[in-house]
């Protein structure tokens, strides 16, 4: 990405205000979650590469350029939801450079509407959900090494709390509140849809089969972790380090454990635990608001998409005569 700060607003900063300038830069960058910023950087880089290939200007970009870019991307198989994010990245860069954004021009919005109508809006190559019985098998096959204890806790917690992988990676010991009944409340300080950083409490039921809280305690106790990052790298000597696992590493753990029970390596990922919890709850007719209490989602439409998939053949209209 070319710049992260407005170019004219911070021009000619006096030396005595240098610290305030640097603080302002930090706060400005903090308006976006790190994962969102990385996605924007990648999306804008794709746009720049495309413009360079056809000798077109990137900033300011014209509505015609954006319409052609969207069309070319859609014809290449890029999903509408991804195109919306790429438009958001382009809008963000224009705002940071204090340039008028072409992203809301009728030509651009109309092109995106047409793409949605022709190609649909469901994400392509969406990862498959991992259901409760599959999670149980994954936990059984995880070895009793320190890495195995950690991965077992990641799988069990990721499913039982319908965690986003970024939420799991960000957990600190201070975010965990264990109760007398053996359950757990996790403080999620900032989520994907919580850009304001209000946070919310995620309830984790230990249960009888998967016992995520038990697995988490086993990992923390054996690794000797009583503060700082919950999930960490394990070194070659088999000891927990200070290094926090990344969100990408969480996805790798899920893929590896899924592969061990015969699930496809490419069809499953970090999101499979979250979607699997929703799907498993939907198969048991759990009420929507109770599911959202765990997932932390504010828009029921996302959850309903998973629930519809889980109940496609339940009480099917043709059950009595097909």
C-alpha atoms as a PDB file:
ATOM      1  CA  UNK A   1       0.000   0.000   0.000  1.00  0.00           C
ATOM      2  CA  UNK A   2       1.404   3.376  -0.955  1.00  0.00           C
ATOM      3  CA  UNK A   3       0.649   5.239   2.288  1.00  0.00           C
ATOM      4  CA  UNK A   4      -1.257   4.874   5.521  1.00  0.00           C
ATOM      5  CA  UNK A   5      -1.544   8.553   6.457  1.00  0.00           C
ATOM      6  CA  UNK A   6      -3.052  11.651   4.858  1.00  0.00           C
ATOM      7  CA  UNK A   7      -0.282  13.390   2.975  1.00  0.00           C
ATOM      8  CA  UNK A   8      -1.245  17.008   3.476  1.00  0.00           C
ATOM      9  CA  UNK A   9      -2.676  16.941   7.008  1.00  0.00           C
ATOM     10  CA  UNK A  10       0.691  16.075   8.545  1.00  0.00           C
ATOM     11  CA  UNK A  11       2.950  18.169   6.354  1.00  0.00           C
ATOM     12  CA  UNK A  12       5.538  20.467   7.974  1.00  0.00           C
ATOM     13  CA  UNK A  13       5.362  19.040  11.505  1.00  0.00           C
ATOM     14  CA  UNK A  14       7.429  21.131  13.990  1.00  0.00           C
ATOM     15  CA  UNK A  15      10.207  19.240  15.776  1.00  0.00           C
ATOM     16  CA  UNK A  16       8.603  19.794  19.177  1.00  0.00           C
ATOM     17  CA  UNK A  17       5.454  18.009  17.957  1.00  0.00           C
ATOM     18  CA  UNK A  18       7.269  14.972  16.564  1.00  0.00           C
ATOM     19  CA  UNK A  19       6.069  12.693  19.387  1.00  0.00           C
ATOM     20  CA  UNK A  20       2.487  13.857  18.926  1.00  0.00           C
ATOM     21  CA  UNK A  21       2.869  13.276  15.195  1.00  0.00           C
ATOM     22  CA  UNK A  22       4.073   9.715  15.759  1.00  0.00           C
ATOM     23  CA  UNK A  23       1.227   9.074  18.216  1.00  0.00           C
ATOM     24  CA  UNK A  24      -1.296  10.371  15.679  1.00  0.00           C
ATOM     25  CA  UNK A  25       0.143   8.014  13.057  1.00  0.00           C
ATOM     26  CA  UNK A  26      -0.227   5.112  15.482  1.00  0.00           C
ATOM     27  CA  UNK A  27      -3.841   5.947  16.293  1.00  0.00           C
ATOM     28  CA  UNK A  28      -4.638   6.416  12.620  1.00  0.00           C
ATOM     29  CA  UNK A  29      -3.265   2.992  11.788  1.00  0.00           C
ATOM     30  CA  UNK A  30      -5.179   1.487  14.719  1.00  0.00           C
ATOM     31  CA  UNK A  31      -8.529   2.432  13.165  1.00  0.00           C
ATOM     32  CA  UNK A  32      -8.304  -0.866  11.285  1.00  0.00           C
ATOM     33  CA  UNK A  33      -7.705  -4.279  12.789  1.00  0.00           C
ATOM     34  CA  UNK A  34      -4.315  -5.745  11.781  1.00  0.00           C
ATOM     35  CA  UNK A  35      -5.993  -8.515   9.778  1.00  0.00           C
ATOM     36  CA  UNK A  36      -8.127  -5.963   7.908  1.00  0.00           C
ATOM     37  CA  UNK A  37      -5.073  -3.839   7.172  1.00  0.00           C
ATOM     38  CA  UNK A  38      -3.189  -6.859   5.816  1.00  0.00           C
ATOM     39  CA  UNK A  39      -6.151  -7.746   3.613  1.00  0.00           C
ATOM     40  CA  UNK A  40      -6.351  -4.154   2.334  1.00  0.00           C
ATOM     41  CA  UNK A  41      -2.639  -4.158   1.558  1.00  0.00           C
ATOM     42  CA  UNK A  42      -2.980  -7.378  -0.417  1.00  0.00           C
ATOM     43  CA  UNK A  43      -6.112  -6.188  -2.234  1.00  0.00           C
ATOM     44  CA  UNK A  44      -4.618  -2.843  -3.203  1.00  0.00           C
ATOM     45  CA  UNK A  45      -1.439  -4.555  -4.402  1.00  0.00           C
ATOM     46  CA  UNK A  46      -3.580  -6.733  -6.690  1.00  0.00           C
ATOM     47  CA  UNK A  47      -5.298  -3.612  -8.024  1.00  0.00           C
ATOM     48  CA  UNK A  48      -1.947  -1.869  -8.602  1.00  0.00           C
ATOM     49  CA  UNK A  49      -0.533  -4.877 -10.452  1.00  0.00           C
ATOM     50  CA  UNK A  50      -3.619  -5.007 -12.659  1.00  0.00           C
ATOM     51  CA  UNK A  51      -3.415  -1.274 -13.431  1.00  0.00           C
ATOM     52  CA  UNK A  52       0.292  -1.518 -14.201  1.00  0.00           C
ATOM     53  CA  UNK A  53      -0.372  -4.274 -16.718  1.00  0.00           C
ATOM     54  CA  UNK A  54      -2.727  -2.003 -18.666  1.00  0.00           C
ATOM     55  CA  UNK A  55      -0.890   1.296 -17.984  1.00  0.00           C
ATOM     56  CA  UNK A  56      -3.764   2.746 -15.939  1.00  0.00           C
ATOM     57  CA  UNK A  57      -3.562   5.168 -13.000  1.00  0.00           C
ATOM     58  CA  UNK A  58      -4.220   3.786  -9.518  1.00  0.00           C
ATOM     59  CA  UNK A  59      -4.588   7.014  -7.511  1.00  0.00           C
ATOM     60  CA  UNK A  60      -6.723   8.660  -8.422  1.00  0.00           C
ATOM     61  CA  UNK A  61      -8.462   5.828 -10.238  1.00  0.00           C
ATOM     62  CA  UNK A  62     -11.331   6.532 -12.596  1.00  0.00           C
ATOM     63  CA  UNK A  63     -14.755   4.862 -12.324  1.00  0.00           C
ATOM     64  CA  UNK A  64     -14.116   3.293 -15.733  1.00  0.00           C
ATOM     65  CA  UNK A  65     -10.889   1.725 -14.464  1.00  0.00           C
ATOM     66  CA  UNK A  66     -12.645   0.281 -11.428  1.00  0.00           C
ATOM     67  CA  UNK A  67     -15.539  -1.077 -13.486  1.00  0.00           C
ATOM     68  CA  UNK A  68     -13.119  -2.867 -15.821  1.00  0.00           C
ATOM     69  CA  UNK A  69     -11.067  -4.153 -12.876  1.00  0.00           C
ATOM     70  CA  UNK A  70     -14.162  -5.586 -11.181  1.00  0.00           C
ATOM     71  CA  UNK A  71     -15.335  -7.197 -14.412  1.00  0.00           C
ATOM     72  CA  UNK A  72     -11.950  -8.766 -15.092  1.00  0.00           C
ATOM     73  CA  UNK A  73     -11.735 -10.094 -11.539  1.00  0.00           C
ATOM     74  CA  UNK A  74     -15.261 -11.521 -11.665  1.00  0.00           C
ATOM     75  CA  UNK A  75     -14.545 -13.268 -14.969  1.00  0.00           C
ATOM     76  CA  UNK A  76     -11.453 -14.782 -13.315  1.00  0.00           C
ATOM     77  CA  UNK A  77     -13.621 -16.342 -10.608  1.00  0.00           C
ATOM     78  CA  UNK A  78     -13.150 -13.850  -7.759  1.00  0.00           C
ATOM     79  CA  UNK A  79     -16.201 -13.861  -5.468  1.00  0.00           C
ATOM     80  CA  UNK A  80     -18.402 -10.777  -5.062  1.00  0.00           C
ATOM     81  CA  UNK A  81     -17.631 -10.571  -1.338  1.00  0.00           C
ATOM     82  CA  UNK A  82     -13.911 -10.383  -2.143  1.00  0.00           C
ATOM     83  CA  UNK A  83     -14.534  -7.679  -4.732  1.00  0.00           C
ATOM     84  CA  UNK A  84     -16.413  -5.646  -2.122  1.00  0.00           C
ATOM     85  CA  UNK A  85     -13.388  -5.837   0.154  1.00  0.00           C
ATOM     86  CA  UNK A  86     -11.065  -4.796  -2.673  1.00  0.00           C
ATOM     87  CA  UNK A  87     -13.254  -1.772  -3.319  1.00  0.00           C
ATOM     88  CA  UNK A  88     -13.036  -0.948   0.392  1.00  0.00           C
ATOM     89  CA  UNK A  89      -9.233  -1.123   0.172  1.00  0.00           C
ATOM     90  CA  UNK A  90      -9.184   1.193  -2.840  1.00  0.00           C
ATOM     91  CA  UNK A  91     -11.535   3.603  -1.056  1.00  0.00           C
ATOM     92  CA  UNK A  92      -9.297   3.559   2.024  1.00  0.00           C
ATOM     93  CA  UNK A  93      -6.161   4.422   0.040  1.00  0.00           C
ATOM     94  CA  UNK A  94      -7.923   7.295  -1.718  1.00  0.00           C
ATOM     95  CA  UNK A  95      -9.097   8.638   1.637  1.00  0.00           C
ATOM     96  CA  UNK A  96      -5.590   8.425   3.092  1.00  0.00           C
ATOM     97  CA  UNK A  97      -4.229  10.343   0.098  1.00  0.00           C
ATOM     98  CA  UNK A  98      -7.094  12.864   0.429  1.00  0.00           C
ATOM     99  CA  UNK A  99      -8.348  12.069  -3.052  1.00  0.00           C
ATOM    100  CA  UNK A 100     -11.981  11.729  -4.129  1.00  0.00           C
ATOM    101  CA  UNK A 101     -12.880   8.055  -4.169  1.00  0.00           C
ATOM    102  CA  UNK A 102     -14.441   6.628  -7.340  1.00  0.00           C
ATOM    103  CA  UNK A 103     -15.766   3.569  -5.513  1.00  0.00           C
ATOM    104  CA  UNK A 104     -19.255   5.009  -4.955  1.00  0.00           C
ATOM    105  CA  UNK A 105     -19.710   6.156  -8.544  1.00  0.00           C
ATOM    106  CA  UNK A 106     -22.895   4.740 -10.156  1.00  0.00           C
ATOM    107  CA  UNK A 107     -20.792   3.003 -12.818  1.00  0.00           C
ATOM    108  CA  UNK A 108     -18.811   1.134 -10.160  1.00  0.00           C
ATOM    109  CA  UNK A 109     -21.778   0.282  -7.925  1.00  0.00           C
ATOM    110  CA  UNK A 110     -23.815  -0.793 -10.922  1.00  0.00           C
ATOM    111  CA  UNK A 111     -21.048  -3.074 -12.145  1.00  0.00           C
ATOM    112  CA  UNK A 112     -20.802  -4.728  -8.729  1.00  0.00           C
ATOM    113  CA  UNK A 113     -24.583  -5.160  -8.577  1.00  0.00           C
ATOM    114  CA  UNK A 114     -24.505  -6.870 -11.962  1.00  0.00           C
ATOM    115  CA  UNK A 115     -21.713  -9.177 -10.810  1.00  0.00           C
ATOM    116  CA  UNK A 116     -23.756 -10.152  -7.761  1.00  0.00           C
ATOM    117  CA  UNK A 117     -26.796 -10.854  -9.916  1.00  0.00           C
ATOM    118  CA  UNK A 118     -24.953 -12.975 -12.473  1.00  0.00           C
ATOM    119  CA  UNK A 119     -22.427 -14.756 -10.277  1.00  0.00           C
ATOM    120  CA  UNK A 120     -24.224 -14.744  -6.918  1.00  0.00           C
ATOM    121  CA  UNK A 121     -22.949 -13.556  -3.557  1.00  0.00           C
ATOM    122  CA  UNK A 122     -21.990 -16.764  -1.756  1.00  0.00           C
ATOM    123  CA  UNK A 123     -18.244 -17.071  -1.136  1.00  0.00           C
ATOM    124  CA  UNK A 124     -16.529 -19.572  -3.409  1.00  0.00           C
ATOM    125  CA  UNK A 125     -14.235 -22.290  -2.096  1.00  0.00           C
ATOM    126  CA  UNK A 126     -15.766 -21.912   1.353  1.00  0.00           C
ATOM    127  CA  UNK A 127     -14.214 -24.264   3.888  1.00  0.00           C
ATOM    128  CA  UNK A 128     -16.342 -27.218   4.975  1.00  0.00           C
ATOM    129  CA  UNK A 129     -17.590 -27.347   8.582  1.00  0.00           C
ATOM    130  CA  UNK A 130     -16.043 -29.815  11.026  1.00  0.00           C
ATOM    131  CA  UNK A 131     -18.883 -31.323  13.070  1.00  0.00           C
ATOM    132  CA  UNK A 132     -18.906 -32.440  16.698  1.00  0.00           C
ATOM    133  CA  UNK A 133     -18.326 -36.156  16.038  1.00  0.00           C
ATOM    134  CA  UNK A 134     -15.374 -35.281  13.802  1.00  0.00           C
ATOM    135  CA  UNK A 135     -13.903 -33.021  16.487  1.00  0.00           C
ATOM    136  CA  UNK A 136     -14.202 -35.917  18.952  1.00  0.00           C
ATOM    137  CA  UNK A 137     -12.188 -38.168  16.631  1.00  0.00           C
ATOM    138  CA  UNK A 138      -9.570 -35.448  16.138  1.00  0.00           C
ATOM    139  CA  UNK A 139      -9.134 -35.121  19.899  1.00  0.00           C
ATOM    140  CA  UNK A 140      -8.746 -38.884  20.297  1.00  0.00           C
ATOM    141  CA  UNK A 141      -5.951 -39.059  17.712  1.00  0.00           C
ATOM    142  CA  UNK A 142      -3.945 -36.125  19.059  1.00  0.00           C
ATOM    143  CA  UNK A 143      -0.775 -37.396  20.835  1.00  0.00           C
ATOM    144  CA  UNK A 144      -0.041 -36.747  24.515  1.00  0.00           C
ATOM    145  CA  UNK A 145       3.043 -34.637  23.762  1.00  0.00           C
ATOM    146  CA  UNK A 146       3.188 -30.945  24.688  1.00  0.00           C
ATOM    147  CA  UNK A 147       2.411 -30.010  21.081  1.00  0.00           C
ATOM    148  CA  UNK A 148      -0.408 -32.546  21.137  1.00  0.00           C
ATOM    149  CA  UNK A 149      -1.859 -31.061  24.325  1.00  0.00           C
ATOM    150  CA  UNK A 150      -1.709 -27.604  22.764  1.00  0.00           C
ATOM    151  CA  UNK A 151      -3.304 -28.706  19.502  1.00  0.00           C
ATOM    152  CA  UNK A 152      -5.990 -30.622  21.389  1.00  0.00           C
ATOM    153  CA  UNK A 153      -6.826 -27.460  23.345  1.00  0.00           C
ATOM    154  CA  UNK A 154      -6.909 -25.406  20.130  1.00  0.00           C
ATOM    155  CA  UNK A 155      -9.292 -27.842  18.429  1.00  0.00           C
ATOM    156  CA  UNK A 156     -11.595 -28.261  21.433  1.00  0.00           C
ATOM    157  CA  UNK A 157     -11.676 -24.560  22.310  1.00  0.00           C
ATOM    158  CA  UNK A 158     -11.969 -23.454  18.691  1.00  0.00           C
ATOM    159  CA  UNK A 159     -15.046 -25.612  18.219  1.00  0.00           C
ATOM    160  CA  UNK A 160     -16.737 -25.156  21.621  1.00  0.00           C
ATOM    161  CA  UNK A 161     -16.372 -21.379  21.451  1.00  0.00           C
ATOM    162  CA  UNK A 162     -17.000 -21.037  17.710  1.00  0.00           C
ATOM    163  CA  UNK A 163     -13.815 -18.968  17.675  1.00  0.00           C
ATOM    164  CA  UNK A 164     -12.435 -17.074  14.753  1.00  0.00           C
ATOM    165  CA  UNK A 165      -8.808 -18.106  14.387  1.00  0.00           C
ATOM    166  CA  UNK A 166      -7.700 -14.505  15.083  1.00  0.00           C
ATOM    167  CA  UNK A 167      -9.647 -14.565  18.367  1.00  0.00           C
ATOM    168  CA  UNK A 168      -7.922 -17.770  19.464  1.00  0.00           C
ATOM    169  CA  UNK A 169      -4.515 -16.377  18.573  1.00  0.00           C
ATOM    170  CA  UNK A 170      -5.157 -13.177  20.555  1.00  0.00           C
ATOM    171  CA  UNK A 171      -6.192 -14.902  23.801  1.00  0.00           C
ATOM    172  CA  UNK A 172      -4.199 -14.048  26.926  1.00  0.00           C
ATOM    173  CA  UNK A 173      -4.370 -15.852  30.264  1.00  0.00           C
ATOM    174  CA  UNK A 174      -5.866 -12.681  31.760  1.00  0.00           C
ATOM    175  CA  UNK A 175      -8.810 -13.098  29.353  1.00  0.00           C
ATOM    176  CA  UNK A 176      -9.808 -16.419  30.949  1.00  0.00           C
ATOM    177  CA  UNK A 177     -12.297 -16.655  33.823  1.00  0.00           C
ATOM    178  CA  UNK A 178     -12.842 -20.203  35.123  1.00  0.00           C
ATOM    179  CA  UNK A 179     -15.879 -20.910  37.291  1.00  0.00           C
ATOM    180  CA  UNK A 180     -16.616 -23.466  40.001  1.00  0.00           C
ATOM    181  CA  UNK A 181     -18.735 -25.587  37.653  1.00  0.00           C
ATOM    182  CA  UNK A 182     -15.757 -26.249  35.389  1.00  0.00           C
ATOM    183  CA  UNK A 183     -16.840 -23.887  32.642  1.00  0.00           C
ATOM    184  CA  UNK A 184     -15.045 -20.852  31.246  1.00  0.00           C
ATOM    185  CA  UNK A 185     -15.763 -17.312  30.108  1.00  0.00           C
ATOM    186  CA  UNK A 186     -13.332 -15.861  27.554  1.00  0.00           C
ATOM    187  CA  UNK A 187     -13.036 -12.119  27.109  1.00  0.00           C
ATOM    188  CA  UNK A 188     -12.768 -11.352  23.399  1.00  0.00           C
ATOM    189  CA  UNK A 189     -11.196  -7.919  23.441  1.00  0.00           C
ATOM    190  CA  UNK A 190     -11.713  -7.188  19.765  1.00  0.00           C
ATOM    191  CA  UNK A 191     -13.465  -9.186  17.069  1.00  0.00           C
ATOM    192  CA  UNK A 192     -13.837  -8.956  13.318  1.00  0.00           C
ATOM    193  CA  UNK A 193     -17.113  -7.030  13.596  1.00  0.00           C
ATOM    194  CA  UNK A 194     -16.031  -5.116  16.715  1.00  0.00           C
ATOM    195  CA  UNK A 195     -13.756  -2.456  15.262  1.00  0.00           C
ATOM    196  CA  UNK A 196     -14.557  -0.183  18.218  1.00  0.00           C
ATOM    197  CA  UNK A 197     -12.899  -2.612  20.613  1.00  0.00           C
ATOM    198  CA  UNK A 198     -15.925  -2.937  22.906  1.00  0.00           C
ATOM    199  CA  UNK A 199     -15.267  -6.633  23.418  1.00  0.00           C
ATOM    200  CA  UNK A 200     -17.649  -9.355  24.560  1.00  0.00           C
ATOM    201  CA  UNK A 201     -17.658 -12.412  26.807  1.00  0.00           C
ATOM    202  CA  UNK A 202     -17.728 -15.823  25.123  1.00  0.00           C
ATOM    203  CA  UNK A 203     -19.156 -18.673  27.248  1.00  0.00           C
ATOM    204  CA  UNK A 204     -17.348 -22.026  26.956  1.00  0.00           C
ATOM    205  CA  UNK A 205     -19.255 -25.032  28.297  1.00  0.00           C
ATOM    206  CA  UNK A 206     -16.931 -27.868  29.321  1.00  0.00           C
ATOM    207  CA  UNK A 207     -19.532 -30.507  28.506  1.00  0.00           C
ATOM    208  CA  UNK A 208     -19.203 -34.276  28.831  1.00  0.00           C
ATOM    209  CA  UNK A 209     -17.656 -35.351  25.515  1.00  0.00           C
ATOM    210  CA  UNK A 210     -15.301 -32.697  24.144  1.00  0.00           C
ATOM    211  CA  UNK A 211     -14.328 -31.057  27.465  1.00  0.00           C
ATOM    212  CA  UNK A 212     -12.571 -27.993  25.995  1.00  0.00           C
ATOM    213  CA  UNK A 213     -11.903 -26.397  29.395  1.00  0.00           C
ATOM    214  CA  UNK A 214     -10.249 -29.580  30.658  1.00  0.00           C
ATOM    215  CA  UNK A 215      -7.997 -29.707  27.581  1.00  0.00           C
ATOM    216  CA  UNK A 216      -7.122 -26.019  27.947  1.00  0.00           C
ATOM    217  CA  UNK A 217      -6.166 -26.445  31.605  1.00  0.00           C
ATOM    218  CA  UNK A 218      -4.020 -29.469  30.723  1.00  0.00           C
ATOM    219  CA  UNK A 219      -2.100 -27.436  28.140  1.00  0.00           C
ATOM    220  CA  UNK A 220      -1.589 -24.417  30.399  1.00  0.00           C
ATOM    221  CA  UNK A 221      -0.534 -26.515  33.379  1.00  0.00           C
ATOM    222  CA  UNK A 222       1.876 -28.776  31.483  1.00  0.00           C
ATOM    223  CA  UNK A 223       3.386 -25.853  29.550  1.00  0.00           C
ATOM    224  CA  UNK A 224       3.763 -23.800  32.743  1.00  0.00           C
ATOM    225  CA  UNK A 225       1.818 -20.846  31.349  1.00  0.00           C
ATOM    226  CA  UNK A 226       0.245 -18.540  33.922  1.00  0.00           C
ATOM    227  CA  UNK A 227       0.383 -15.206  32.095  1.00  0.00           C
ATOM    228  CA  UNK A 228       0.690 -13.797  28.600  1.00  0.00           C
ATOM    229  CA  UNK A 229      -0.303 -15.587  25.401  1.00  0.00           C
ATOM    230  CA  UNK A 230      -2.416 -18.721  25.822  1.00  0.00           C
ATOM    231  CA  UNK A 231      -1.330 -20.534  22.654  1.00  0.00           C
ATOM    232  CA  UNK A 232       2.409 -20.517  21.898  1.00  0.00           C
ATOM    233  CA  UNK A 233       5.120 -22.127  19.844  1.00  0.00           C
ATOM    234  CA  UNK A 234       6.868 -25.194  21.257  1.00  0.00           C
ATOM    235  CA  UNK A 235      10.631 -25.341  20.664  1.00  0.00           C
ATOM    236  CA  UNK A 236      12.757 -28.270  19.455  1.00  0.00           C
ATOM    237  CA  UNK A 237      13.388 -29.326  23.052  1.00  0.00           C
ATOM    238  CA  UNK A 238       9.653 -29.662  23.713  1.00  0.00           C
ATOM    239  CA  UNK A 239       9.215 -26.551  25.859  1.00  0.00           C
ATOM    240  CA  UNK A 240       6.693 -23.742  25.394  1.00  0.00           C
ATOM    241  CA  UNK A 241       8.260 -20.488  24.196  1.00  0.00           C
ATOM    242  CA  UNK A 242       7.111 -16.892  24.637  1.00  0.00           C
ATOM    243  CA  UNK A 243       6.114 -16.672  20.958  1.00  0.00           C
ATOM    244  CA  UNK A 244       2.363 -16.367  20.366  1.00  0.00           C
ATOM    245  CA  UNK A 245       0.877 -18.562  17.654  1.00  0.00           C
ATOM    246  CA  UNK A 246      -0.459 -16.626  14.669  1.00  0.00           C
ATOM    247  CA  UNK A 247      -3.944 -16.945  13.195  1.00  0.00           C
ATOM    248  CA  UNK A 248      -2.367 -18.693  10.206  1.00  0.00           C
ATOM    249  CA  UNK A 249      -0.813 -21.253  12.539  1.00  0.00           C
ATOM    250  CA  UNK A 250      -4.255 -21.964  14.025  1.00  0.00           C
ATOM    251  CA  UNK A 251      -5.509 -22.839  10.552  1.00  0.00           C
ATOM    252  CA  UNK A 252      -2.514 -25.120  10.046  1.00  0.00           C
ATOM    253  CA  UNK A 253      -3.302 -26.995  13.266  1.00  0.00           C
ATOM    254  CA  UNK A 254      -6.901 -27.523  12.155  1.00  0.00           C
ATOM    255  CA  UNK A 255      -5.828 -28.719   8.702  1.00  0.00           C
ATOM    256  CA  UNK A 256      -3.290 -31.169  10.127  1.00  0.00           C
ATOM    257  CA  UNK A 257      -5.712 -32.611  12.677  1.00  0.00           C
ATOM    258  CA  UNK A 258      -8.471 -32.869  10.067  1.00  0.00           C
ATOM    259  CA  UNK A 259      -6.094 -34.682   7.740  1.00  0.00           C
ATOM    260  CA  UNK A 260      -5.299 -37.210  10.490  1.00  0.00           C
ATOM    261  CA  UNK A 261      -8.914 -38.413  10.533  1.00  0.00           C
ATOM    262  CA  UNK A 262      -9.130 -38.601   6.751  1.00  0.00           C
ATOM    263  CA  UNK A 263     -10.673 -35.219   5.971  1.00  0.00           C
ATOM    264  CA  UNK A 264      -9.346 -33.356   2.933  1.00  0.00           C
ATOM    265  CA  UNK A 265      -6.448 -31.005   3.635  1.00  0.00           C
ATOM    266  CA  UNK A 266      -7.731 -28.307   1.258  1.00  0.00           C
ATOM    267  CA  UNK A 267     -11.441 -28.497   2.124  1.00  0.00           C
ATOM    268  CA  UNK A 268     -10.997 -27.643   5.803  1.00  0.00           C
ATOM    269  CA  UNK A 269      -9.333 -24.760   7.627  1.00  0.00           C
ATOM    270  CA  UNK A 270      -9.419 -22.482  10.647  1.00  0.00           C
ATOM    271  CA  UNK A 271     -13.008 -21.384   9.977  1.00  0.00           C
ATOM    272  CA  UNK A 272     -14.208 -25.004   9.865  1.00  0.00           C
ATOM    273  CA  UNK A 273     -14.438 -25.186  13.662  1.00  0.00           C
ATOM    274  CA  UNK A 274     -16.558 -22.033  13.881  1.00  0.00           C
ATOM    275  CA  UNK A 275     -18.895 -23.073  11.075  1.00  0.00           C
ATOM    276  CA  UNK A 276     -18.942 -26.617  12.470  1.00  0.00           C
ATOM    277  CA  UNK A 277     -20.233 -25.423  15.844  1.00  0.00           C
ATOM    278  CA  UNK A 278     -23.007 -23.440  14.155  1.00  0.00           C
ATOM    279  CA  UNK A 279     -23.913 -26.369  11.901  1.00  0.00           C
ATOM    280  CA  UNK A 280     -23.866 -28.889  14.773  1.00  0.00           C
ATOM    281  CA  UNK A 281     -26.109 -26.603  16.843  1.00  0.00           C
ATOM    282  CA  UNK A 282     -28.420 -26.112  13.868  1.00  0.00           C
ATOM    283  CA  UNK A 283     -28.803 -29.853  13.391  1.00  0.00           C
ATOM    284  CA  UNK A 284     -30.111 -29.989  16.972  1.00  0.00           C
ATOM    285  CA  UNK A 285     -32.552 -27.091  16.461  1.00  0.00           C
ATOM    286  CA  UNK A 286     -30.760 -24.781  18.900  1.00  0.00           C
ATOM    287  CA  UNK A 287     -32.343 -21.331  18.903  1.00  0.00           C
ATOM    288  CA  UNK A 288     -30.629 -18.688  16.805  1.00  0.00           C
ATOM    289  CA  UNK A 289     -30.027 -16.220  19.643  1.00  0.00           C
ATOM    290  CA  UNK A 290     -28.350 -18.928  21.760  1.00  0.00           C
ATOM    291  CA  UNK A 291     -25.943 -19.709  18.919  1.00  0.00           C
ATOM    292  CA  UNK A 292     -25.150 -16.014  18.506  1.00  0.00           C
ATOM    293  CA  UNK A 293     -24.375 -15.748  22.239  1.00  0.00           C
ATOM    294  CA  UNK A 294     -21.438 -18.077  21.593  1.00  0.00           C
ATOM    295  CA  UNK A 295     -20.332 -16.869  18.161  1.00  0.00           C
ATOM    296  CA  UNK A 296     -20.596 -13.175  19.010  1.00  0.00           C
ATOM    297  CA  UNK A 297     -22.127 -12.434  15.611  1.00  0.00           C
ATOM    298  CA  UNK A 298     -24.406  -9.419  15.394  1.00  0.00           C
ATOM    299  CA  UNK A 299     -25.984 -10.114  11.999  1.00  0.00           C
ATOM    300  CA  UNK A 300     -28.255 -13.197  12.091  1.00  0.00           C
ATOM    301  CA  UNK A 301     -28.125 -13.586   8.308  1.00  0.00           C
ATOM    302  CA  UNK A 302     -24.656 -15.101   8.442  1.00  0.00           C
ATOM    303  CA  UNK A 303     -25.733 -17.681  11.020  1.00  0.00           C
ATOM    304  CA  UNK A 304     -28.936 -18.442   9.128  1.00  0.00           C
ATOM    305  CA  UNK A 305     -26.913 -19.357   6.051  1.00  0.00           C
ATOM    306  CA  UNK A 306     -25.186 -22.128   8.024  1.00  0.00           C
ATOM    307  CA  UNK A 307     -28.430 -23.215   9.682  1.00  0.00           C
ATOM    308  CA  UNK A 308     -30.201 -23.527   6.348  1.00  0.00           C
ATOM    309  CA  UNK A 309     -27.412 -25.750   5.079  1.00  0.00           C
ATOM    310  CA  UNK A 310     -27.591 -27.886   8.222  1.00  0.00           C
ATOM    311  CA  UNK A 311     -31.335 -28.412   7.804  1.00  0.00           C
ATOM    312  CA  UNK A 312     -31.616 -28.825   4.033  1.00  0.00           C
ATOM    313  CA  UNK A 313     -33.072 -32.326   4.292  1.00  0.00           C
ATOM    314  CA  UNK A 314     -34.844 -32.026   7.645  1.00  0.00           C
ATOM    315  CA  UNK A 315     -38.650 -32.197   7.156  1.00  0.00           C
ATOM    316  CA  UNK A 316     -38.057 -32.171   3.401  1.00  0.00           C
ATOM    317  CA  UNK A 317     -41.171 -31.359   1.360  1.00  0.00           C
ATOM    318  CA  UNK A 318     -40.840 -34.613  -0.556  1.00  0.00           C
ATOM    319  CA  UNK A 319     -40.211 -36.850   2.449  1.00  0.00           C
ATOM    320  CA  UNK A 320     -43.594 -38.598   2.253  1.00  0.00           C
ATOM    321  CA  UNK A 321     -43.744 -39.259  -1.475  1.00  0.00           C
ATOM    322  CA  UNK A 322     -40.275 -39.284  -3.059  1.00  0.00           C
END
